[in-house]
Amino acid sequence: MRGIFSIVGLLVTLAIMGLLVKKQLGTQAAVPATPGMPAVSADAPPQVRSQQAQQQAKQAVEGALQQARPMPEEK
């Protein structure tokens, strides 16, 4: 009896995981645009999406490097 409940529990868990994976793979969002750069649609070629993502990452890093680090207050 205990074995039957274990198998049923595993099957229910597997079904839930399958639904979550199906839902996650079914939704493909466009790469968000940064100011001055247009958004690339999800049906764009992978090379274009990759270049867009690389440019956005580079701009994010450069922007973070340009920000001044706050100085701690001296006591």
C-alpha atoms as a PDB file:
ATOM      1  CA  MET A   1       0.000   0.000   0.000  1.00  0.00           C
ATOM      2  CA  ARG A   2       2.816   2.345   0.918  1.00  0.00           C
ATOM      3  CA  GLY A   3       4.538   1.640  -2.393  1.00  0.00           C
ATOM      4  CA  ILE A   4       1.404   2.509  -4.361  1.00  0.00           C
ATOM      5  CA  PHE A   5       1.164   5.912  -2.637  1.00  0.00           C
ATOM      6  CA  SER A   6       4.840   6.545  -3.379  1.00  0.00           C
ATOM      7  CA  ILE A   7       4.385   5.798  -7.071  1.00  0.00           C
ATOM      8  CA  VAL A   8       1.229   7.918  -7.283  1.00  0.00           C
ATOM      9  CA  GLY A   9       3.030  10.795  -5.544  1.00  0.00           C
ATOM     10  CA  LEU A  10       5.929  10.562  -7.981  1.00  0.00           C
ATOM     11  CA  LEU A  11       3.569  10.536 -10.957  1.00  0.00           C
ATOM     12  CA  VAL A  12       1.694  13.595  -9.670  1.00  0.00           C
ATOM     13  CA  THR A  13       4.988  15.421  -9.101  1.00  0.00           C
ATOM     14  CA  LEU A  14       6.190  14.478 -12.577  1.00  0.00           C
ATOM     15  CA  ALA A  15       2.935  15.730 -14.130  1.00  0.00           C
ATOM     16  CA  ILE A  16       3.213  19.074 -12.322  1.00  0.00           C
ATOM     17  CA  MET A  17       6.828  19.484 -13.402  1.00  0.00           C
ATOM     18  CA  GLY A  18       5.873  18.641 -16.990  1.00  0.00           C
ATOM     19  CA  LEU A  19       3.185  21.313 -17.000  1.00  0.00           C
ATOM     20  CA  LEU A  20       5.586  23.914 -15.609  1.00  0.00           C
ATOM     21  CA  VAL A  21       8.237  23.094 -18.204  1.00  0.00           C
ATOM     22  CA  LYS A  22       5.674  23.225 -21.018  1.00  0.00           C
ATOM     23  CA  LYS A  23       4.427  26.605 -19.804  1.00  0.00           C
ATOM     24  CA  GLN A  24       7.966  27.970 -19.464  1.00  0.00           C
ATOM     25  CA  LEU A  25       9.017  26.819 -22.943  1.00  0.00           C
ATOM     26  CA  GLY A  26       5.818  28.150 -24.484  1.00  0.00           C
ATOM     27  CA  THR A  27       6.482  31.751 -23.460  1.00  0.00           C
ATOM     28  CA  GLN A  28       9.338  33.416 -25.318  1.00  0.00           C
ATOM     29  CA  ALA A  29       9.706  37.090 -24.570  1.00  0.00           C
ATOM     30  CA  ALA A  30      11.510  39.643 -26.696  1.00  0.00           C
ATOM     31  CA  VAL A  31      14.820  40.988 -25.461  1.00  0.00           C
ATOM     32  CA  PRO A  32      14.032  44.228 -23.624  1.00  0.00           C
ATOM     33  CA  ALA A  33      15.319  47.361 -25.263  1.00  0.00           C
ATOM     34  CA  THR A  34      17.754  49.730 -23.656  1.00  0.00           C
ATOM     35  CA  PRO A  35      17.423  53.455 -24.292  1.00  0.00           C
ATOM     36  CA  GLY A  36      18.484  54.241 -27.829  1.00  0.00           C
ATOM     37  CA  MET A  37      18.247  50.614 -28.990  1.00  0.00           C
ATOM     38  CA  PRO A  38      15.149  49.028 -30.519  1.00  0.00           C
ATOM     39  CA  ALA A  39      13.755  45.780 -29.105  1.00  0.00           C
ATOM     40  CA  VAL A  40      14.394  42.591 -31.050  1.00  0.00           C
ATOM     41  CA  SER A  41      11.390  40.347 -31.542  1.00  0.00           C
ATOM     42  CA  ALA A  42      11.432  36.725 -30.421  1.00  0.00           C
ATOM     43  CA  ASP A  43      11.323  35.522 -34.040  1.00  0.00           C
ATOM     44  CA  ALA A  44      14.568  37.320 -34.961  1.00  0.00           C
ATOM     45  CA  PRO A  45      17.521  35.116 -35.935  1.00  0.00           C
ATOM     46  CA  PRO A  46      19.564  33.818 -32.985  1.00  0.00           C
ATOM     47  CA  GLN A  47      22.633  35.733 -34.134  1.00  0.00           C
ATOM     48  CA  VAL A  48      20.764  39.060 -33.976  1.00  0.00           C
ATOM     49  CA  ARG A  49      19.353  38.273 -30.520  1.00  0.00           C
ATOM     50  CA  SER A  50      22.797  37.240 -29.306  1.00  0.00           C
ATOM     51  CA  GLN A  51      24.402  40.447 -30.559  1.00  0.00           C
ATOM     52  CA  GLN A  52      21.639  42.507 -28.942  1.00  0.00           C
ATOM     53  CA  ALA A  53      22.113  40.730 -25.600  1.00  0.00           C
ATOM     54  CA  GLN A  54      25.890  41.235 -25.795  1.00  0.00           C
ATOM     55  CA  GLN A  55      25.485  44.947 -26.484  1.00  0.00           C
ATOM     56  CA  GLN A  56      23.064  45.339 -23.606  1.00  0.00           C
ATOM     57  CA  ALA A  57      25.368  43.508 -21.208  1.00  0.00           C
ATOM     58  CA  LYS A  58      28.317  45.628 -22.305  1.00  0.00           C
ATOM     59  CA  GLN A  59      26.330  48.829 -21.800  1.00  0.00           C
ATOM     60  CA  ALA A  60      25.163  47.686 -18.367  1.00  0.00           C
ATOM     61  CA  VAL A  61      28.726  46.962 -17.268  1.00  0.00           C
ATOM     62  CA  GLU A  62      30.013  50.258 -18.633  1.00  0.00           C
ATOM     63  CA  GLY A  63      27.197  52.122 -16.899  1.00  0.00           C
ATOM     64  CA  ALA A  64      27.968  50.404 -13.602  1.00  0.00           C
ATOM     65  CA  LEU A  65      31.653  51.286 -13.924  1.00  0.00           C
ATOM     66  CA  GLN A  66      30.830  54.950 -14.546  1.00  0.00           C
ATOM     67  CA  GLN A  67      28.841  55.336 -11.334  1.00  0.00           C
ATOM     68  CA  ALA A  68      30.764  56.760  -8.404  1.00  0.00           C
ATOM     69  CA  ARG A  69      31.061  54.535  -5.375  1.00  0.00           C
ATOM     70  CA  PRO A  70      29.618  56.142  -2.244  1.00  0.00           C
ATOM     71  CA  MET A  71      32.266  57.008   0.301  1.00  0.00           C
ATOM     72  CA  PRO A  72      31.684  55.867   3.889  1.00  0.00           C
ATOM     73  CA  GLU A  73      31.122  58.561   6.449  1.00  0.00           C
ATOM     74  CA  GLU A  74      34.031  59.103   8.807  1.00  0.00           C
ATOM     75  CA  LYS A  75      33.222  59.098  12.493  1.00  0.00           C
END
